[in-house]
Amino acid sequence: MSATTPFSLQQFFAGCTLAINKPLRWTSHDVVNKIKIAANNLKLKNEEGQPMKLKIGHAGTLDPLATGLLIICTGKHTKTIDLIQAQTKIYTGTITLGATTQSFDLEHEPDTFFPVDHITEEKIFDATKKFTGTIQQIPPAHSAIKIDGKRAYKSARAGEQITMPTKEVTVHFFDIKRIAMPQIDFEVSCTKGTYIRSLANDFGVELSSGAYLSALCRTGIGQYNVTDAWALDDFIAMLNAENKM
C-alpha cells in the first residue's frame, strides 16, 4: 500500500503492506512503534466489541542515519516479511574519501585520515569492478549482528574486541553518479544482508586511502520504490483523518 493506493482502516488492521519513507535519525523500530501507537489510540473495536490491536512489523532494518524505503507489514501480511526482506535492494548515497570512522558512517566522527591526491576518476571507476558480483564482506562491528548471543554494536560501544564473521553477498551493480572530491555519489543494487557501510570502507581501502559512508537512502526493495512511499507524518495524519470519517 503506497501513498497512491486507496486506504481503509479495515484493510489496514486485517493486513496490508505499507511503503514508508523513513526519516533521518529514526530507527526502524521507532517508525513501527509510532504507527502502532497511533493505530491503537484509534480505539477501534471488532464485531464482538473487543478492542482491535494492530499486529505490525518491518521488512528490513534501516540504520538511523539512513533514510528511504521502509516496508511495514500489518495483520496477516506480517507473514510475508521474510519474502520481502529477501528481495533485491537499491540504495543511493555518498561516500567520503580520505578518512575513516569506527562505525564506517557518521555515527562516529572521522578519527583517521588518509591522502586522496593520488585518486583519479579512472581509479574510482575501476575500483567499483572489484565490488560487483559475488563478494566477501565483513560487516561493521557497529551493527546488529549477534556474536555469541550479543549484538555486535553493544560489544563495540563497550570497547570489547570482537571478530566479525565474513559473509558472502552479491552486488548487482555499483554505479558512480557524481565525483566531487572527496565525495562520491553512487547507486548500488544488492542482495539481502549487504552492508553499504562496509562497501564504503572497503572502497577506500581499494583506493589506498580511507572512506566512510556519509549519506544513504534506500530507494527500492523488489517491486517497491521510495517514490511511492508515505511520509511518516502524512500517514499518521491520514490514519487519524480516516478514523473521524
C-alpha atoms as a PDB file:
ATOM      1  CA  MET A   1       0.000   0.000   0.000  1.00  0.00           C
ATOM      2  CA  SER A   2       1.727   3.152  -1.210  1.00  0.00           C
ATOM      3  CA  ALA A   3       0.803   6.817  -0.871  1.00  0.00           C
ATOM      4  CA  THR A   4      -1.163   6.494  -4.127  1.00  0.00           C
ATOM      5  CA  THR A   5      -3.194   3.429  -3.069  1.00  0.00           C
ATOM      6  CA  PRO A   6      -6.767   3.756  -1.741  1.00  0.00           C
ATOM      7  CA  PHE A   7      -6.794   3.205   2.029  1.00  0.00           C
ATOM      8  CA  SER A   8      -9.241   1.733   4.520  1.00  0.00           C
ATOM      9  CA  LEU A   9      -8.858   1.144   8.254  1.00  0.00           C
ATOM     10  CA  GLN A  10     -10.392  -2.313   7.890  1.00  0.00           C
ATOM     11  CA  GLN A  11      -7.746  -3.366   5.398  1.00  0.00           C
ATOM     12  CA  PHE A  12      -5.023  -1.727   7.492  1.00  0.00           C
ATOM     13  CA  PHE A  13      -5.848  -3.836  10.561  1.00  0.00           C
ATOM     14  CA  ALA A  14      -6.650  -7.021   8.617  1.00  0.00           C
ATOM     15  CA  GLY A  15      -3.402  -6.947   6.682  1.00  0.00           C
ATOM     16  CA  CYS A  16      -1.537  -4.656   4.309  1.00  0.00           C
ATOM     17  CA  THR A  17       1.965  -3.794   3.154  1.00  0.00           C
ATOM     18  CA  LEU A  18       2.967  -0.148   3.572  1.00  0.00           C
ATOM     19  CA  ALA A  19       5.786   1.798   1.931  1.00  0.00           C
ATOM     20  CA  ILE A  20       7.116   4.406   4.380  1.00  0.00           C
ATOM     21  CA  ASN A  21       9.903   6.927   3.776  1.00  0.00           C
ATOM     22  CA  LYS A  22      11.931   6.623   6.994  1.00  0.00           C
ATOM     23  CA  PRO A  23      13.086   9.961   8.424  1.00  0.00           C
ATOM     24  CA  LEU A  24      16.725  10.656   9.236  1.00  0.00           C
ATOM     25  CA  ARG A  25      17.847   9.590  12.728  1.00  0.00           C
ATOM     26  CA  TRP A  26      14.779   7.423  13.320  1.00  0.00           C
ATOM     27  CA  THR A  27      15.331   3.725  13.931  1.00  0.00           C
ATOM     28  CA  SER A  28      13.162   1.259  12.045  1.00  0.00           C
ATOM     29  CA  HIS A  29      11.642   0.295  15.393  1.00  0.00           C
ATOM     30  CA  ASP A  30      10.786   3.964  16.055  1.00  0.00           C
ATOM     31  CA  VAL A  31       8.707   4.029  12.863  1.00  0.00           C
ATOM     32  CA  VAL A  32       6.901   0.775  13.680  1.00  0.00           C
ATOM     33  CA  ASN A  33       6.217   1.943  17.230  1.00  0.00           C
ATOM     34  CA  LYS A  34       4.816   5.307  16.128  1.00  0.00           C
ATOM     35  CA  ILE A  35       2.399   3.665  13.691  1.00  0.00           C
ATOM     36  CA  LYS A  36       1.388   1.034  16.261  1.00  0.00           C
ATOM     37  CA  ILE A  37       0.678   3.622  18.959  1.00  0.00           C
ATOM     38  CA  ALA A  38      -1.296   5.808  16.535  1.00  0.00           C
ATOM     39  CA  ALA A  39      -3.353   2.810  15.387  1.00  0.00           C
ATOM     40  CA  ASN A  40      -4.099   1.561  18.896  1.00  0.00           C
ATOM     41  CA  ASN A  41      -5.031   5.100  20.005  1.00  0.00           C
ATOM     42  CA  LEU A  42      -7.895   4.986  17.492  1.00  0.00           C
ATOM     43  CA  LYS A  43      -9.609   2.626  19.971  1.00  0.00           C
ATOM     44  CA  LEU A  44     -11.385   0.699  17.242  1.00  0.00           C
ATOM     45  CA  LYS A  45     -13.465  -2.358  18.134  1.00  0.00           C
ATOM     46  CA  ASN A  46     -14.129  -5.573  16.229  1.00  0.00           C
ATOM     47  CA  GLU A  47     -17.528  -7.139  15.565  1.00  0.00           C
ATOM     48  CA  GLU A  48     -17.517  -8.702  19.036  1.00  0.00           C
ATOM     49  CA  GLY A  49     -16.940  -5.295  20.610  1.00  0.00           C
ATOM     50  CA  GLN A  50     -13.357  -6.103  21.614  1.00  0.00           C
ATOM     51  CA  PRO A  51     -10.562  -3.536  21.194  1.00  0.00           C
ATOM     52  CA  MET A  52      -8.613  -4.019  17.955  1.00  0.00           C
ATOM     53  CA  LYS A  53      -4.860  -4.244  18.411  1.00  0.00           C
ATOM     54  CA  LEU A  54      -2.532  -3.831  15.454  1.00  0.00           C
ATOM     55  CA  LYS A  55      -0.102  -6.623  14.558  1.00  0.00           C
ATOM     56  CA  ILE A  56       2.833  -4.953  12.817  1.00  0.00           C
ATOM     57  CA  GLY A  57       6.455  -5.466  11.770  1.00  0.00           C
ATOM     58  CA  HIS A  58       9.014  -4.200   9.269  1.00  0.00           C
ATOM     59  CA  ALA A  59      10.799  -5.961   6.419  1.00  0.00           C
ATOM     60  CA  GLY A  60      14.454  -4.958   6.536  1.00  0.00           C
ATOM     61  CA  THR A  61      16.149  -2.668   9.048  1.00  0.00           C
ATOM     62  CA  LEU A  62      17.497   0.738   8.066  1.00  0.00           C
ATOM     63  CA  ASP A  63      20.228   2.356  10.166  1.00  0.00           C
ATOM     64  CA  PRO A  64      19.224   5.573  11.977  1.00  0.00           C
ATOM     65  CA  LEU A  65      21.471   7.652   9.685  1.00  0.00           C
ATOM     66  CA  ALA A  66      19.870   6.158   6.571  1.00  0.00           C
ATOM     67  CA  THR A  67      16.656   7.431   5.036  1.00  0.00           C
ATOM     68  CA  GLY A  68      14.311   5.965   2.484  1.00  0.00           C
ATOM     69  CA  LEU A  69      12.138   2.965   1.871  1.00  0.00           C
ATOM     70  CA  LEU A  70      10.979   1.002   4.898  1.00  0.00           C
ATOM     71  CA  ILE A  71       8.380  -1.691   4.252  1.00  0.00           C
ATOM     72  CA  ILE A  72       5.822  -2.064   7.051  1.00  0.00           C
ATOM     73  CA  CYS A  73       3.550  -5.127   7.189  1.00  0.00           C
ATOM     74  CA  THR A  74       0.378  -5.357   9.266  1.00  0.00           C
ATOM     75  CA  GLY A  75      -2.056  -8.126  10.196  1.00  0.00           C
ATOM     76  CA  LYS A  76      -1.819 -11.250   8.055  1.00  0.00           C
ATOM     77  CA  HIS A  77       0.746  -9.548   5.797  1.00  0.00           C
ATOM     78  CA  THR A  78       3.372  -9.934   8.538  1.00  0.00           C
ATOM     79  CA  LYS A  79       3.718 -13.488   7.219  1.00  0.00           C
ATOM     80  CA  THR A  80       5.319 -12.046   4.065  1.00  0.00           C
ATOM     81  CA  ILE A  81       8.118 -10.174   5.868  1.00  0.00           C
ATOM     82  CA  ASP A  82      10.786 -12.807   5.162  1.00  0.00           C
ATOM     83  CA  LEU A  83       9.858 -12.898   1.464  1.00  0.00           C
ATOM     84  CA  ILE A  84      10.113  -9.117   1.146  1.00  0.00           C
ATOM     85  CA  GLN A  85      13.401  -8.973   3.044  1.00  0.00           C
ATOM     86  CA  ALA A  86      14.906 -11.483   0.610  1.00  0.00           C
ATOM     87  CA  GLN A  87      14.283  -9.248  -2.434  1.00  0.00           C
ATOM     88  CA  THR A  88      16.901  -7.143  -4.189  1.00  0.00           C
ATOM     89  CA  LYS A  89      17.527  -3.719  -2.660  1.00  0.00           C
ATOM     90  CA  ILE A  90      18.663  -0.470  -4.273  1.00  0.00           C
ATOM     91  CA  TYR A  91      20.493   2.327  -2.464  1.00  0.00           C
ATOM     92  CA  THR A  92      21.818   5.757  -3.358  1.00  0.00           C
ATOM     93  CA  GLY A  93      24.273   7.635  -1.213  1.00  0.00           C
ATOM     94  CA  THR A  94      27.573   9.410  -0.741  1.00  0.00           C
ATOM     95  CA  ILE A  95      30.999   8.041   0.134  1.00  0.00           C
ATOM     96  CA  THR A  96      33.527  10.497   1.563  1.00  0.00           C
ATOM     97  CA  LEU A  97      37.146   9.628   0.839  1.00  0.00           C
ATOM     98  CA  GLY A  98      40.203  10.478   2.910  1.00  0.00           C
ATOM     99  CA  ALA A  99      39.042   9.398   6.374  1.00  0.00           C
ATOM    100  CA  THR A 100      37.540   6.503   8.317  1.00  0.00           C
ATOM    101  CA  THR A 101      35.243   6.204  11.312  1.00  0.00           C
ATOM    102  CA  GLN A 102      34.748   3.395  13.845  1.00  0.00           C
ATOM    103  CA  SER A 103      31.220   2.732  12.575  1.00  0.00           C
ATOM    104  CA  PHE A 104      32.055   3.208   8.857  1.00  0.00           C
ATOM    105  CA  ASP A 105      29.474   6.046   8.792  1.00  0.00           C
ATOM    106  CA  LEU A 106      28.801   9.295  10.674  1.00  0.00           C
ATOM    107  CA  GLU A 107      27.552   7.635  13.846  1.00  0.00           C
ATOM    108  CA  HIS A 108      31.142   8.356  14.911  1.00  0.00           C
ATOM    109  CA  GLU A 109      33.376  11.258  13.930  1.00  0.00           C
ATOM    110  CA  PRO A 110      36.251  10.637  11.478  1.00  0.00           C
ATOM    111  CA  ASP A 111      39.278   9.603  13.518  1.00  0.00           C
ATOM    112  CA  THR A 112      41.908   8.509  10.971  1.00  0.00           C
ATOM    113  CA  PHE A 113      42.848  10.470   7.862  1.00  0.00           C
ATOM    114  CA  PHE A 114      44.444   9.472   4.548  1.00  0.00           C
ATOM    115  CA  PRO A 115      45.751  11.175   1.381  1.00  0.00           C
ATOM    116  CA  VAL A 116      43.461  11.437  -1.653  1.00  0.00           C
ATOM    117  CA  ASP A 117      45.668  13.327  -4.115  1.00  0.00           C
ATOM    118  CA  HIS A 118      46.591  10.109  -5.899  1.00  0.00           C
ATOM    119  CA  ILE A 119      42.955   9.158  -6.572  1.00  0.00           C
ATOM    120  CA  THR A 120      41.799   9.786 -10.138  1.00  0.00           C
ATOM    121  CA  GLU A 121      38.362   9.362 -11.678  1.00  0.00           C
ATOM    122  CA  GLU A 122      39.701   6.375 -13.609  1.00  0.00           C
ATOM    123  CA  LYS A 123      40.820   4.696 -10.368  1.00  0.00           C
ATOM    124  CA  ILE A 124      37.413   5.344  -8.818  1.00  0.00           C
ATOM    125  CA  PHE A 125      35.527   3.719 -11.686  1.00  0.00           C
ATOM    126  CA  ASP A 126      37.999   0.820 -11.823  1.00  0.00           C
ATOM    127  CA  ALA A 127      37.605   0.216  -8.083  1.00  0.00           C
ATOM    128  CA  THR A 128      33.870  -0.405  -8.419  1.00  0.00           C
ATOM    129  CA  LYS A 129      34.598  -3.506 -10.510  1.00  0.00           C
ATOM    130  CA  LYS A 130      36.094  -5.288  -7.503  1.00  0.00           C
ATOM    131  CA  PHE A 131      32.828  -4.838  -5.625  1.00  0.00           C
ATOM    132  CA  THR A 132      30.473  -6.042  -8.348  1.00  0.00           C
ATOM    133  CA  GLY A 133      29.232  -9.615  -8.436  1.00  0.00           C
ATOM    134  CA  THR A 134      29.523 -12.089  -5.567  1.00  0.00           C
ATOM    135  CA  ILE A 135      31.926 -10.706  -2.970  1.00  0.00           C
ATOM    136  CA  GLN A 136      33.106 -11.445   0.554  1.00  0.00           C
ATOM    137  CA  GLN A 137      32.244  -8.769   3.079  1.00  0.00           C
ATOM    138  CA  ILE A 138      32.925  -8.194   6.771  1.00  0.00           C
ATOM    139  CA  PRO A 139      30.011  -6.404   8.487  1.00  0.00           C
ATOM    140  CA  PRO A 140      30.777  -3.363  10.670  1.00  0.00           C
ATOM    141  CA  ALA A 141      31.442  -4.022  14.346  1.00  0.00           C
ATOM    142  CA  HIS A 142      28.797  -1.360  14.995  1.00  0.00           C
ATOM    143  CA  SER A 143      25.964  -3.487  13.599  1.00  0.00           C
ATOM    144  CA  ALA A 144      23.067  -5.529  14.966  1.00  0.00           C
ATOM    145  CA  ILE A 145      24.606  -8.906  14.106  1.00  0.00           C
ATOM    146  CA  LYS A 146      24.743 -11.212  17.120  1.00  0.00           C
ATOM    147  CA  ILE A 147      28.145 -12.503  18.219  1.00  0.00           C
ATOM    148  CA  ASP A 148      27.970 -15.106  21.000  1.00  0.00           C
ATOM    149  CA  GLY A 149      24.373 -14.101  21.646  1.00  0.00           C
ATOM    150  CA  LYS A 150      25.136 -10.374  21.994  1.00  0.00           C
ATOM    151  CA  ARG A 151      24.526  -7.574  19.489  1.00  0.00           C
ATOM    152  CA  ALA A 152      27.872  -6.586  17.966  1.00  0.00           C
ATOM    153  CA  TYR A 153      27.287  -2.855  18.381  1.00  0.00           C
ATOM    154  CA  LYS A 154      26.805  -3.276  22.146  1.00  0.00           C
ATOM    155  CA  SER A 155      30.174  -5.013  22.424  1.00  0.00           C
ATOM    156  CA  ALA A 156      31.805  -2.396  20.182  1.00  0.00           C
ATOM    157  CA  ARG A 157      30.400   0.501  22.213  1.00  0.00           C
ATOM    158  CA  ALA A 158      31.684  -1.167  25.380  1.00  0.00           C
ATOM    159  CA  GLY A 159      35.169  -1.258  23.888  1.00  0.00           C
ATOM    160  CA  GLU A 160      35.262  -5.058  23.640  1.00  0.00           C
ATOM    161  CA  GLN A 161      37.332  -6.725  20.927  1.00  0.00           C
ATOM    162  CA  ILE A 162      35.127  -8.792  18.615  1.00  0.00           C
ATOM    163  CA  THR A 163      35.776 -10.722  15.421  1.00  0.00           C
ATOM    164  CA  MET A 164      33.100 -10.174  12.791  1.00  0.00           C
ATOM    165  CA  PRO A 165      32.378 -13.143  10.500  1.00  0.00           C
ATOM    166  CA  THR A 166      32.922 -12.820   6.761  1.00  0.00           C
ATOM    167  CA  LYS A 167      29.764 -13.217   4.693  1.00  0.00           C
ATOM    168  CA  GLU A 168      29.041 -13.644   1.010  1.00  0.00           C
ATOM    169  CA  VAL A 169      26.809 -11.059  -0.689  1.00  0.00           C
ATOM    170  CA  THR A 170      26.031 -10.114  -4.276  1.00  0.00           C
ATOM    171  CA  VAL A 171      26.263  -6.605  -5.707  1.00  0.00           C
ATOM    172  CA  HIS A 172      24.328  -6.468  -8.985  1.00  0.00           C
ATOM    173  CA  PHE A 173      25.679  -3.051  -9.916  1.00  0.00           C
ATOM    174  CA  PHE A 174      27.776  -0.321  -8.302  1.00  0.00           C
ATOM    175  CA  ASP A 175      27.432   2.870 -10.343  1.00  0.00           C
ATOM    176  CA  ILE A 176      29.215   6.160  -9.745  1.00  0.00           C
ATOM    177  CA  LYS A 177      26.824   9.081 -10.251  1.00  0.00           C
ATOM    178  CA  ARG A 178      28.969  12.081  -9.313  1.00  0.00           C
ATOM    179  CA  ILE A 179      32.546  12.770  -8.290  1.00  0.00           C
ATOM    180  CA  ALA A 180      33.257  15.940  -6.309  1.00  0.00           C
ATOM    181  CA  MET A 181      36.349  15.022  -4.335  1.00  0.00           C
ATOM    182  CA  PRO A 182      36.466  13.931  -1.651  1.00  0.00           C
ATOM    183  CA  GLN A 183      32.795  12.978  -2.080  1.00  0.00           C
ATOM    184  CA  ILE A 184      31.446  10.338  -4.457  1.00  0.00           C
ATOM    185  CA  ASP A 185      27.736   9.810  -5.121  1.00  0.00           C
ATOM    186  CA  PHE A 186      26.727   6.245  -6.030  1.00  0.00           C
ATOM    187  CA  GLU A 187      23.873   3.847  -6.687  1.00  0.00           C
ATOM    188  CA  VAL A 188      24.047   0.185  -5.653  1.00  0.00           C
ATOM    189  CA  SER A 189      21.780  -2.809  -6.247  1.00  0.00           C
ATOM    190  CA  CYS A 190      22.465  -5.712  -3.912  1.00  0.00           C
ATOM    191  CA  THR A 191      21.175  -8.770  -2.088  1.00  0.00           C
ATOM    192  CA  LYS A 192      19.839  -9.044   1.436  1.00  0.00           C
ATOM    193  CA  GLY A 193      22.443  -8.566   4.150  1.00  0.00           C
ATOM    194  CA  THR A 194      24.799  -6.311   2.186  1.00  0.00           C
ATOM    195  CA  TYR A 195      26.288  -3.589   4.377  1.00  0.00           C
ATOM    196  CA  ILE A 196      26.760  -0.415   2.369  1.00  0.00           C
ATOM    197  CA  ARG A 197      28.878   0.960   5.215  1.00  0.00           C
ATOM    198  CA  SER A 198      31.305  -1.922   4.748  1.00  0.00           C
ATOM    199  CA  LEU A 199      31.240  -1.362   0.997  1.00  0.00           C
ATOM    200  CA  ALA A 200      32.271   2.262   1.564  1.00  0.00           C
ATOM    201  CA  ASN A 201      35.062   1.307   3.952  1.00  0.00           C
ATOM    202  CA  ASP A 202      36.405  -1.401   1.622  1.00  0.00           C
ATOM    203  CA  PHE A 203      36.173   1.000  -1.312  1.00  0.00           C
ATOM    204  CA  GLY A 204      38.543   3.368   0.488  1.00  0.00           C
ATOM    205  CA  VAL A 205      40.999   0.549   1.148  1.00  0.00           C
ATOM    206  CA  GLU A 206      40.904  -0.442  -2.540  1.00  0.00           C
ATOM    207  CA  LEU A 207      41.837   3.160  -3.425  1.00  0.00           C
ATOM    208  CA  SER A 208      44.801   3.066  -0.976  1.00  0.00           C
ATOM    209  CA  SER A 209      43.049   5.612   1.185  1.00  0.00           C
ATOM    210  CA  GLY A 210      40.159   5.635   3.652  1.00  0.00           C
ATOM    211  CA  ALA A 211      36.439   6.175   3.218  1.00  0.00           C
ATOM    212  CA  TYR A 212      33.193   6.266   5.139  1.00  0.00           C
ATOM    213  CA  LEU A 213      29.515   6.389   4.271  1.00  0.00           C
ATOM    214  CA  SER A 214      28.295   9.965   4.711  1.00  0.00           C
ATOM    215  CA  ALA A 215      24.738   9.606   3.324  1.00  0.00           C
ATOM    216  CA  LEU A 216      22.447   6.708   2.429  1.00  0.00           C
ATOM    217  CA  CYS A 217      18.927   6.330   1.068  1.00  0.00           C
ATOM    218  CA  ARG A 218      17.205   3.037   0.268  1.00  0.00           C
ATOM    219  CA  THR A 219      15.216   3.675  -2.886  1.00  0.00           C
ATOM    220  CA  GLY A 220      13.927   0.221  -3.760  1.00  0.00           C
ATOM    221  CA  ILE A 221      13.062  -3.230  -2.435  1.00  0.00           C
ATOM    222  CA  GLY A 222      11.827  -5.599  -5.129  1.00  0.00           C
ATOM    223  CA  GLN A 223       8.716  -4.021  -6.659  1.00  0.00           C
ATOM    224  CA  TYR A 224       8.539  -1.230  -4.056  1.00  0.00           C
ATOM    225  CA  ASN A 225      10.025   2.222  -4.634  1.00  0.00           C
ATOM    226  CA  VAL A 226      10.587   5.171  -2.322  1.00  0.00           C
ATOM    227  CA  THR A 227       8.880   7.498  -4.815  1.00  0.00           C
ATOM    228  CA  ASP A 228       5.577   5.813  -3.908  1.00  0.00           C
ATOM    229  CA  ALA A 229       6.187   5.827  -0.154  1.00  0.00           C
ATOM    230  CA  TRP A 230       4.260   7.661   2.540  1.00  0.00           C
ATOM    231  CA  ALA A 231       5.976  10.384   4.533  1.00  0.00           C
ATOM    232  CA  LEU A 232       5.556   9.137   8.104  1.00  0.00           C
ATOM    233  CA  ASP A 233       3.749  12.231   9.409  1.00  0.00           C
ATOM    234  CA  ASP A 234       1.407  12.212   6.418  1.00  0.00           C
ATOM    235  CA  PHE A 235       0.498   8.588   7.044  1.00  0.00           C
ATOM    236  CA  ILE A 236      -0.255   9.226  10.734  1.00  0.00           C
ATOM    237  CA  ALA A 237      -2.383  12.254   9.803  1.00  0.00           C
ATOM    238  CA  MET A 238      -4.280  10.212   7.218  1.00  0.00           C
ATOM    239  CA  LEU A 239      -4.833   7.433   9.754  1.00  0.00           C
ATOM    240  CA  ASN A 240      -6.398   9.878  12.201  1.00  0.00           C
ATOM    241  CA  ALA A 241      -8.465  11.519   9.489  1.00  0.00           C
ATOM    242  CA  GLU A 242      -9.887   8.160   8.342  1.00  0.00           C
ATOM    243  CA  ASN A 243     -10.979   7.409  11.890  1.00  0.00           C
ATOM    244  CA  LYS A 244     -13.062  10.631  12.007  1.00  0.00           C
ATOM    245  CA  MET A 245     -14.937   9.929   8.799  1.00  0.00           C
END
